[in-house]
Amino acid sequence: MWERGPAVTYARFKAVLAERERRGEIRVPDRQIAAEQFIGGLVAHVQMKLAFGMTERPSKAKTERRVARAVETFMARYATDAAK
């Protein structure tokens, strides 16, 4: 299950990171950790709530805010000066 799901997501995201790094937009010393941080920022809290029985899914607005904050946090850490 891992190999057909999350491992594929991580591999694809790390390929995106490699391309953005090649363009000079970001500098990522460890792509796996960066992918875990970003993807975790998107889904970990929601998955935890669902796992503990909270069945209400976040609204579209809350999801958009979560994505925007994850991108801001990621770029604050990994963006090069050229990309800021």
PDB file of N, CA and C in Angstrom:
ATOM      1  N   MET A   1       0.825  -1.193   0.000  1.00  0.00           N
ATOM      2  CA  MET A   1       0.000   0.000   0.000  1.00  0.00           C
ATOM      3  C   MET A   1       0.870   1.258   0.000  1.00  0.00           C
ATOM      4  N   TRP A   2       1.914   1.242   0.832  1.00  0.00           N
ATOM      5  CA  TRP A   2       2.811   2.393   0.900  1.00  0.00           C
ATOM      6  C   TRP A   2       3.436   2.685  -0.464  1.00  0.00           C
ATOM      7  N   GLU A   3       3.930   1.631  -1.104  1.00  0.00           N
ATOM      8  CA  GLU A   3       4.644   1.799  -2.373  1.00  0.00           C
ATOM      9  C   GLU A   3       3.751   2.318  -3.495  1.00  0.00           C
ATOM     10  N   ARG A   4       2.472   2.048  -3.443  1.00  0.00           N
ATOM     11  CA  ARG A   4       1.555   2.485  -4.502  1.00  0.00           C
ATOM     12  C   ARG A   4       0.851   3.792  -4.175  1.00  0.00           C
ATOM     13  N   GLY A   5       1.006   4.269  -2.959  1.00  0.00           N
ATOM     14  CA  GLY A   5       0.321   5.490  -2.541  1.00  0.00           C
ATOM     15  C   GLY A   5       1.305   6.573  -2.145  1.00  0.00           C
ATOM     16  N   PRO A   6       1.580   6.691  -0.834  1.00  0.00           N
ATOM     17  CA  PRO A   6       2.451   7.761  -0.354  1.00  0.00           C
ATOM     18  C   PRO A   6       3.838   7.785  -0.994  1.00  0.00           C
ATOM     19  N   ALA A   7       4.424   6.631  -1.254  1.00  0.00           N
ATOM     20  CA  ALA A   7       5.759   6.612  -1.868  1.00  0.00           C
ATOM     21  C   ALA A   7       5.734   7.253  -3.248  1.00  0.00           C
ATOM     22  N   VAL A   8       4.654   7.053  -3.982  1.00  0.00           N
ATOM     23  CA  VAL A   8       4.515   7.675  -5.302  1.00  0.00           C
ATOM     24  C   VAL A   8       4.374   9.189  -5.152  1.00  0.00           C
ATOM     25  N   THR A   9       3.571   9.617  -4.188  1.00  0.00           N
ATOM     26  CA  THR A   9       3.397  11.051  -3.946  1.00  0.00           C
ATOM     27  C   THR A   9       4.727  11.703  -3.596  1.00  0.00           C
ATOM     28  N   TYR A  10       5.464  11.079  -2.677  1.00  0.00           N
ATOM     29  CA  TYR A  10       6.768  11.629  -2.297  1.00  0.00           C
ATOM     30  C   TYR A  10       7.718  11.674  -3.492  1.00  0.00           C
ATOM     31  N   ALA A  11       7.773  10.622  -4.269  1.00  0.00           N
ATOM     32  CA  ALA A  11       8.675  10.582  -5.430  1.00  0.00           C
ATOM     33  C   ALA A  11       8.333  11.686  -6.427  1.00  0.00           C
ATOM     34  N   ARG A  12       7.069  11.877  -6.691  1.00  0.00           N
ATOM     35  CA  ARG A  12       6.666  12.926  -7.634  1.00  0.00           C
ATOM     36  C   ARG A  12       6.986  14.307  -7.092  1.00  0.00           C
ATOM     37  N   PHE A  13       6.727  14.509  -5.803  1.00  0.00           N
ATOM     38  CA  PHE A  13       7.021  15.819  -5.225  1.00  0.00           C
ATOM     39  C   PHE A  13       8.513  16.083  -5.208  1.00  0.00           C
ATOM     40  N   LYS A  14       9.312  15.056  -4.911  1.00  0.00           N
ATOM     41  CA  LYS A  14      10.769  15.240  -4.924  1.00  0.00           C
ATOM     42  C   LYS A  14      11.266  15.557  -6.334  1.00  0.00           C
ATOM     43  N   ALA A  15      10.619  15.027  -7.355  1.00  0.00           N
ATOM     44  CA  ALA A  15      10.981  15.373  -8.736  1.00  0.00           C
ATOM     45  C   ALA A  15      10.669  16.842  -9.014  1.00  0.00           C
ATOM     46  N   VAL A  16       9.554  17.325  -8.501  1.00  0.00           N
ATOM     47  CA  VAL A  16       9.218  18.753  -8.640  1.00  0.00           C
ATOM     48  C   VAL A  16      10.272  19.592  -7.922  1.00  0.00           C
ATOM     49  N   LEU A  17      10.652  19.179  -6.735  1.00  0.00           N
ATOM     50  CA  LEU A  17      11.683  19.910  -5.987  1.00  0.00           C
ATOM     51  C   LEU A  17      12.991  19.947  -6.760  1.00  0.00           C
ATOM     52  N   ALA A  18      13.375  18.829  -7.343  1.00  0.00           N
ATOM     53  CA  ALA A  18      14.620  18.772  -8.111  1.00  0.00           C
ATOM     54  C   ALA A  18      14.581  19.749  -9.279  1.00  0.00           C
ATOM     55  N   GLU A  19      13.455  19.812  -9.968  1.00  0.00           N
ATOM     56  CA  GLU A  19      13.320  20.740 -11.095  1.00  0.00           C
ATOM     57  C   GLU A  19      13.368  22.189 -10.615  1.00  0.00           C
ATOM     58  N   ARG A  20      12.686  22.502  -9.541  1.00  0.00           N
ATOM     59  CA  ARG A  20      12.707  23.879  -9.003  1.00  0.00           C
ATOM     60  C   ARG A  20      14.102  24.248  -8.506  1.00  0.00           C
ATOM     61  N   GLU A  21      14.799  23.272  -7.973  1.00  0.00           N
ATOM     62  CA  GLU A  21      16.172  23.515  -7.535  1.00  0.00           C
ATOM     63  C   GLU A  21      17.073  23.751  -8.749  1.00  0.00           C
ATOM     64  N   ARG A  22      16.870  22.980  -9.805  1.00  0.00           N
ATOM     65  CA  ARG A  22      17.650  23.164 -11.034  1.00  0.00           C
ATOM     66  C   ARG A  22      17.446  24.567 -11.597  1.00  0.00           C
ATOM     67  N   ARG A  23      16.248  25.103 -11.460  1.00  0.00           N
ATOM     68  CA  ARG A  23      15.939  26.459 -11.938  1.00  0.00           C
ATOM     69  C   ARG A  23      16.473  27.553 -11.015  1.00  0.00           C
ATOM     70  N   GLY A  24      16.961  27.156  -9.850  1.00  0.00           N
ATOM     71  CA  GLY A  24      17.498  28.131  -8.908  1.00  0.00           C
ATOM     72  C   GLY A  24      16.449  28.793  -8.037  1.00  0.00           C
ATOM     73  N   GLU A  25      15.240  28.247  -8.005  1.00  0.00           N
ATOM     74  CA  GLU A  25      14.157  28.842  -7.228  1.00  0.00           C
ATOM     75  C   GLU A  25      14.201  28.451  -5.763  1.00  0.00           C
ATOM     76  N   ILE A  26      14.703  27.255  -5.481  1.00  0.00           N
ATOM     77  CA  ILE A  26      14.801  26.767  -4.113  1.00  0.00           C
ATOM     78  C   ILE A  26      16.146  26.089  -3.910  1.00  0.00           C
ATOM     79  N   ARG A  27      16.497  25.933  -2.648  1.00  0.00           N
ATOM     80  CA  ARG A  27      17.692  25.174  -2.273  1.00  0.00           C
ATOM     81  C   ARG A  27      17.249  24.211  -1.173  1.00  0.00           C
ATOM     82  N   VAL A  28      17.285  22.924  -1.475  1.00  0.00           N
ATOM     83  CA  VAL A  28      16.765  21.902  -0.572  1.00  0.00           C
ATOM     84  C   VAL A  28      17.867  20.888  -0.282  1.00  0.00           C
ATOM     85  N   PRO A  29      18.441  20.921   0.914  1.00  0.00           N
ATOM     86  CA  PRO A  29      19.521  19.990   1.227  1.00  0.00           C
ATOM     87  C   PRO A  29      19.070  18.532   1.360  1.00  0.00           C
ATOM     88  N   ASP A  30      17.810  18.311   1.725  1.00  0.00           N
ATOM     89  CA  ASP A  30      17.300  16.940   1.888  1.00  0.00           C
ATOM     90  C   ASP A  30      15.872  16.909   1.345  1.00  0.00           C
ATOM     91  N   ARG A  31      15.712  16.412   0.126  1.00  0.00           N
ATOM     92  CA  ARG A  31      14.398  16.440  -0.529  1.00  0.00           C
ATOM     93  C   ARG A  31      13.362  15.597   0.198  1.00  0.00           C
ATOM     94  N   GLN A  32      13.771  14.480   0.775  1.00  0.00           N
ATOM     95  CA  GLN A  32      12.797  13.648   1.490  1.00  0.00           C
ATOM     96  C   GLN A  32      12.232  14.396   2.690  1.00  0.00           C
ATOM     97  N   ILE A  33      13.095  15.006   3.472  1.00  0.00           N
ATOM     98  CA  ILE A  33      12.623  15.766   4.639  1.00  0.00           C
ATOM     99  C   ILE A  33      11.741  16.922   4.182  1.00  0.00           C
ATOM    100  N   ALA A  34      12.151  17.634   3.151  1.00  0.00           N
ATOM    101  CA  ALA A  34      11.356  18.758   2.645  1.00  0.00           C
ATOM    102  C   ALA A  34       9.980  18.285   2.181  1.00  0.00           C
ATOM    103  N   ALA A  35       9.934  17.139   1.496  1.00  0.00           N
ATOM    104  CA  ALA A  35       8.657  16.602   1.028  1.00  0.00           C
ATOM    105  C   ALA A  35       7.782  16.221   2.219  1.00  0.00           C
ATOM    106  N   GLU A  36       8.373  15.591   3.222  1.00  0.00           N
ATOM    107  CA  GLU A  36       7.608  15.218   4.411  1.00  0.00           C
ATOM    108  C   GLU A  36       7.066  16.456   5.118  1.00  0.00           C
ATOM    109  N   GLN A  37       7.877  17.504   5.219  1.00  0.00           N
ATOM    110  CA  GLN A  37       7.427  18.726   5.880  1.00  0.00           C
ATOM    111  C   GLN A  37       6.254  19.357   5.128  1.00  0.00           C
ATOM    112  N   PHE A  38       6.383  19.462   3.813  1.00  0.00           N
ATOM    113  CA  PHE A  38       5.334  20.110   3.033  1.00  0.00           C
ATOM    114  C   PHE A  38       4.047  19.290   3.028  1.00  0.00           C
ATOM    115  N   ILE A  39       4.166  18.018   2.705  1.00  0.00           N
ATOM    116  CA  ILE A  39       2.971  17.175   2.625  1.00  0.00           C
ATOM    117  C   ILE A  39       2.343  17.030   4.012  1.00  0.00           C
ATOM    118  N   GLY A  40       3.165  16.905   5.029  1.00  0.00           N
ATOM    119  CA  GLY A  40       2.641  16.862   6.395  1.00  0.00           C
ATOM    120  C   GLY A  40       1.893  18.131   6.754  1.00  0.00           C
ATOM    121  N   GLY A  41       2.409  19.263   6.321  1.00  0.00           N
ATOM    122  CA  GLY A  41       1.736  20.535   6.575  1.00  0.00           C
ATOM    123  C   GLY A  41       0.377  20.620   5.908  1.00  0.00           C
ATOM    124  N   LEU A  42       0.220  19.892   4.826  1.00  0.00           N
ATOM    125  CA  LEU A  42      -1.065  19.893   4.123  1.00  0.00           C
ATOM    126  C   LEU A  42      -2.074  18.950   4.763  1.00  0.00           C
ATOM    127  N   VAL A  43      -1.640  17.771   5.151  1.00  0.00           N
ATOM    128  CA  VAL A  43      -2.615  16.732   5.504  1.00  0.00           C
ATOM    129  C   VAL A  43      -2.543  16.185   6.929  1.00  0.00           C
ATOM    130  N   ALA A  44      -1.441  16.322   7.623  1.00  0.00           N
ATOM    131  CA  ALA A  44      -1.268  15.620   8.898  1.00  0.00           C
ATOM    132  C   ALA A  44      -2.339  15.976   9.924  1.00  0.00           C
ATOM    133  N   HIS A  45      -2.617  17.235  10.117  1.00  0.00           N
ATOM    134  CA  HIS A  45      -3.592  17.656  11.128  1.00  0.00           C
ATOM    135  C   HIS A  45      -4.978  17.104  10.813  1.00  0.00           C
ATOM    136  N   VAL A  46      -5.375  17.209   9.558  1.00  0.00           N
ATOM    137  CA  VAL A  46      -6.692  16.724   9.152  1.00  0.00           C
ATOM    138  C   VAL A  46      -6.772  15.208   9.323  1.00  0.00           C
ATOM    139  N   GLN A  47      -5.736  14.493   8.910  1.00  0.00           N
ATOM    140  CA  GLN A  47      -5.734  13.031   9.066  1.00  0.00           C
ATOM    141  C   GLN A  47      -5.816  12.639  10.535  1.00  0.00           C
ATOM    142  N   MET A  48      -5.106  13.359  11.392  1.00  0.00           N
ATOM    143  CA  MET A  48      -5.135  13.047  12.818  1.00  0.00           C
ATOM    144  C   MET A  48      -6.537  13.246  13.382  1.00  0.00           C
ATOM    145  N   LYS A  49      -7.173  14.341  13.013  1.00  0.00           N
ATOM    146  CA  LYS A  49      -8.535  14.584  13.499  1.00  0.00           C
ATOM    147  C   LYS A  49      -9.477  13.477  13.032  1.00  0.00           C
ATOM    148  N   LEU A  50      -9.368  13.078  11.781  1.00  0.00           N
ATOM    149  CA  LEU A  50     -10.222  12.014  11.263  1.00  0.00           C
ATOM    150  C   LEU A  50      -9.935  10.686  11.963  1.00  0.00           C
ATOM    151  N   ALA A  51      -8.670  10.407  12.229  1.00  0.00           N
ATOM    152  CA  ALA A  51      -8.297   9.169  12.896  1.00  0.00           C
ATOM    153  C   ALA A  51      -8.864   9.093  14.310  1.00  0.00           C
ATOM    154  N   PHE A  52      -9.046  10.252  14.939  1.00  0.00           N
ATOM    155  CA  PHE A  52      -9.578  10.279  16.297  1.00  0.00           C
ATOM    156  C   PHE A  52     -11.078  10.528  16.340  1.00  0.00           C
ATOM    157  N   GLY A  53     -11.723  10.311  15.213  1.00  0.00           N
ATOM    158  CA  GLY A  53     -13.179  10.300  15.202  1.00  0.00           C
ATOM    159  C   GLY A  53     -13.878  11.576  14.797  1.00  0.00           C
ATOM    160  N   MET A  54     -13.152  12.611  14.499  1.00  0.00           N
ATOM    161  CA  MET A  54     -13.802  13.843  14.048  1.00  0.00           C
ATOM    162  C   MET A  54     -14.103  13.672  12.563  1.00  0.00           C
ATOM    163  N   THR A  55     -15.351  13.623  12.221  1.00  0.00           N
ATOM    164  CA  THR A  55     -15.729  13.288  10.848  1.00  0.00           C
ATOM    165  C   THR A  55     -15.967  14.508   9.973  1.00  0.00           C
ATOM    166  N   GLU A  56     -15.997  15.670  10.580  1.00  0.00           N
ATOM    167  CA  GLU A  56     -16.236  16.883   9.786  1.00  0.00           C
ATOM    168  C   GLU A  56     -14.991  17.220   8.972  1.00  0.00           C
ATOM    169  N   ARG A  57     -15.164  17.282   7.683  1.00  0.00           N
ATOM    170  CA  ARG A  57     -14.046  17.641   6.805  1.00  0.00           C
ATOM    171  C   ARG A  57     -13.928  19.160   6.747  1.00  0.00           C
ATOM    172  N   PRO A  58     -12.710  19.679   6.547  1.00  0.00           N
ATOM    173  CA  PRO A  58     -12.552  21.135   6.499  1.00  0.00           C
ATOM    174  C   PRO A  58     -13.248  21.727   5.277  1.00  0.00           C
ATOM    175  N   SER A  59     -13.674  22.956   5.432  1.00  0.00           N
ATOM    176  CA  SER A  59     -14.316  23.661   4.325  1.00  0.00           C
ATOM    177  C   SER A  59     -13.281  23.982   3.253  1.00  0.00           C
ATOM    178  N   LYS A  60     -13.761  24.376   2.101  1.00  0.00           N
ATOM    179  CA  LYS A  60     -12.863  24.770   1.017  1.00  0.00           C
ATOM    180  C   LYS A  60     -11.987  25.942   1.452  1.00  0.00           C
ATOM    181  N   ALA A  61     -12.572  26.905   2.153  1.00  0.00           N
ATOM    182  CA  ALA A  61     -11.812  28.071   2.617  1.00  0.00           C
ATOM    183  C   ALA A  61     -10.707  27.659   3.586  1.00  0.00           C
ATOM    184  N   LYS A  62     -11.028  26.754   4.522  1.00  0.00           N
ATOM    185  CA  LYS A  62      -9.998  26.292   5.467  1.00  0.00           C
ATOM    186  C   LYS A  62      -8.899  25.518   4.747  1.00  0.00           C
ATOM    187  N   THR A  63      -9.283  24.726   3.777  1.00  0.00           N
ATOM    188  CA  THR A  63      -8.297  23.979   2.998  1.00  0.00           C
ATOM    189  C   THR A  63      -7.392  24.926   2.231  1.00  0.00           C
ATOM    190  N   GLU A  64      -7.958  25.948   1.616  1.00  0.00           N
ATOM    191  CA  GLU A  64      -7.156  26.924   0.867  1.00  0.00           C
ATOM    192  C   GLU A  64      -6.196  27.665   1.790  1.00  0.00           C
ATOM    193  N   ARG A  65      -6.642  28.014   2.990  1.00  0.00           N
ATOM    194  CA  ARG A  65      -5.750  28.678   3.958  1.00  0.00           C
ATOM    195  C   ARG A  65      -4.622  27.740   4.369  1.00  0.00           C
ATOM    196  N   ARG A  66      -4.946  26.473   4.604  1.00  0.00           N
ATOM    197  CA  ARG A  66      -3.917  25.502   5.006  1.00  0.00           C
ATOM    198  C   ARG A  66      -2.860  25.351   3.909  1.00  0.00           C
ATOM    199  N   VAL A  67      -3.305  25.275   2.653  1.00  0.00           N
ATOM    200  CA  VAL A  67      -2.373  25.150   1.529  1.00  0.00           C
ATOM    201  C   VAL A  67      -1.505  26.405   1.427  1.00  0.00           C
ATOM    202  N   ALA A  68      -2.124  27.569   1.527  1.00  0.00           N
ATOM    203  CA  ALA A  68      -1.363  28.825   1.427  1.00  0.00           C
ATOM    204  C   ALA A  68      -0.319  28.921   2.531  1.00  0.00           C
ATOM    205  N   ARG A  69      -0.682  28.560   3.763  1.00  0.00           N
ATOM    206  CA  ARG A  69       0.280  28.616   4.870  1.00  0.00           C
ATOM    207  C   ARG A  69       1.389  27.593   4.681  1.00  0.00           C
ATOM    208  N   ALA A  70       1.070  26.415   4.171  1.00  0.00           N
ATOM    209  CA  ALA A  70       2.107  25.400   3.921  1.00  0.00           C
ATOM    210  C   ALA A  70       3.098  25.896   2.871  1.00  0.00           C
ATOM    211  N   VAL A  71       2.599  26.522   1.819  1.00  0.00           N
ATOM    212  CA  VAL A  71       3.477  27.071   0.775  1.00  0.00           C
ATOM    213  C   VAL A  71       4.335  28.185   1.352  1.00  0.00           C
ATOM    214  N   GLU A  72       3.732  29.088   2.123  1.00  0.00           N
ATOM    215  CA  GLU A  72       4.502  30.191   2.732  1.00  0.00           C
ATOM    216  C   GLU A  72       5.608  29.654   3.630  1.00  0.00           C
ATOM    217  N   THR A  73       5.288  28.684   4.464  1.00  0.00           N
ATOM    218  CA  THR A  73       6.274  28.107   5.376  1.00  0.00           C
ATOM    219  C   THR A  73       7.397  27.425   4.601  1.00  0.00           C
ATOM    220  N   PHE A  74       7.019  26.649   3.597  1.00  0.00           N
ATOM    221  CA  PHE A  74       8.001  25.943   2.784  1.00  0.00           C
ATOM    222  C   PHE A  74       8.940  26.935   2.090  1.00  0.00           C
ATOM    223  N   MET A  75       8.375  27.945   1.478  1.00  0.00           N
ATOM    224  CA  MET A  75       9.193  28.917   0.744  1.00  0.00           C
ATOM    225  C   MET A  75      10.045  29.770   1.677  1.00  0.00           C
ATOM    226  N   ALA A  76       9.542  30.050   2.873  1.00  0.00           N
ATOM    227  CA  ALA A  76      10.347  30.809   3.837  1.00  0.00           C
ATOM    228  C   ALA A  76      11.624  30.050   4.176  1.00  0.00           C
ATOM    229  N   ARG A  77      11.547  28.740   4.181  1.00  0.00           N
ATOM    230  CA  ARG A  77      12.724  27.928   4.511  1.00  0.00           C
ATOM    231  C   ARG A  77      13.609  27.634   3.295  1.00  0.00           C
ATOM    232  N   TYR A  78      12.994  27.349   2.136  1.00  0.00           N
ATOM    233  CA  TYR A  78      13.749  26.797   1.023  1.00  0.00           C
ATOM    234  C   TYR A  78      13.946  27.720  -0.179  1.00  0.00           C
ATOM    235  N   ALA A  79      13.211  28.825  -0.263  1.00  0.00           N
ATOM    236  CA  ALA A  79      13.343  29.705  -1.433  1.00  0.00           C
ATOM    237  C   ALA A  79      14.715  30.368  -1.457  1.00  0.00           C
ATOM    238  N   THR A  80      15.255  30.495  -2.645  1.00  0.00           N
ATOM    239  CA  THR A  80      16.501  31.243  -2.807  1.00  0.00           C
ATOM    240  C   THR A  80      16.146  32.727  -2.827  1.00  0.00           C
ATOM    241  N   ASP A  81      17.150  33.569  -2.679  1.00  0.00           N
ATOM    242  CA  ASP A  81      16.906  35.014  -2.730  1.00  0.00           C
ATOM    243  C   ASP A  81      16.297  35.413  -4.067  1.00  0.00           C
ATOM    244  N   ALA A  82      16.687  34.735  -5.123  1.00  0.00           N
ATOM    245  CA  ALA A  82      16.171  35.041  -6.462  1.00  0.00           C
ATOM    246  C   ALA A  82      14.683  34.784  -6.560  1.00  0.00           C
ATOM    247  N   ALA A  83      14.161  33.842  -5.774  1.00  0.00           N
ATOM    248  CA  ALA A  83      12.750  33.473  -5.859  1.00  0.00           C
ATOM    249  C   ALA A  83      11.869  34.305  -4.933  1.00  0.00           C
ATOM    250  N   LYS A  84      12.473  35.052  -4.017  1.00  0.00           N
ATOM    251  CA  LYS A  84      11.669  35.821  -3.032  1.00  0.00           C
ATOM    252  C   LYS A  84      11.184  37.108  -3.579  1.00  0.00           C
TER     253      LYS A  84
END
